[in-house]
C-alpha cells in the first residue's frame, strides 16, 4: 500500500493506494481510498485512460460533466463511469470515498451489461449494480481502515467475477494486444491476426469494451503520454511524442486538445501536487 498526503493553500488530501489481489489484475488495475478538503480549486479534470472507474462515496455528492459533449452537470453519490474519449470534470471540495479502476473487460464482467451503455456516461452505482451497489458504500465504510476495505473489495469483485459471463476470446485477445503495445498496433493488423473483419471487431468492442478499437488505441497511446509527462519536471514533448508513436509534436498537440481540452503546457500547469490529479481550471 502507498500513502500520499498534501497540505497547502490548495487544500489538504490524504490518499491510500493499493494493488488488487494478483488473481484480479486482469480485471482491476488499482484501488484508491481518499479524504480531502480543497479550497484552491473547485473542479478536477478527468482524462480518458482506457479503463472504467467505480466511485464509492462515503457521504459527499460529486458533480460530474462532460463539457465537450454539451451535457449539463449532474450530481451523484456513488457511480460508475465507463470508457470515455473526452475529458470529464468532477467537483472537489469535501470528499471521502474510494475509487476502483477497472480494465474494460473487468468492467464488462463486473457490471454484467453491454459497455456501450456506459460509454461517455456516468451511471449511479445502484442503477448499475442493483441492491449490491446501494449497499456497497455502507459495507466499505463499516469495514474500518483502508487495508480492510481493500481486502473487502477484493472479495466482492472476486465473487462477481465468479458468477459473470466470460468475455469473447477475440475481444480479450485484441484488448491485451492493444494494452501491451500502448495502442500502437494497427487495427487492420489486429483484425488480420484474428482472421475477422474490421467491422466484426468494432461491433464486439462496442459491446464488451465500449469504444471502437481505433479510438481505444488512441486513448491508450495518449494515456501513456500522460504517464511519461507526470515523471518529468520539464517534459521533452518531441521525445515523448516519438516514444509514444506520434508523427510529430503537432500530432500530439491535437490529441491533447481532444482528450484533455488543453495544450500540453496547459496540462502541466494544471497538475496538482502529491498525486492530487489535474485541476479543472
Foldseek 3Di string as FASTA:
>chain_A
DDWWWDDDLQWIKIKDKDAADPVCVLWWGIKMWMWIAGDNFWKFKAFFAQWKKWKAFLDDWKWKDQVVVVDDIDIAHTKIAAGELAIMMITDGTTGTMMITTHLQNCCQLQVFFSLVRYVHIGHQCVRRNPCSVCLNVVLVVLDDPVSSSVVVNVVSVVSNVVGDHQDPLLSVLSVVLLVLLLPDDLVVSCVVVVHDLVVQQVSCCGRRNGGSNSSSLSSLLNVLVVVVVVDPDDPQQVSCVVSPHPGSVSVQVSCCGGVVDGPVVQSVQDDPGPPHGGPD
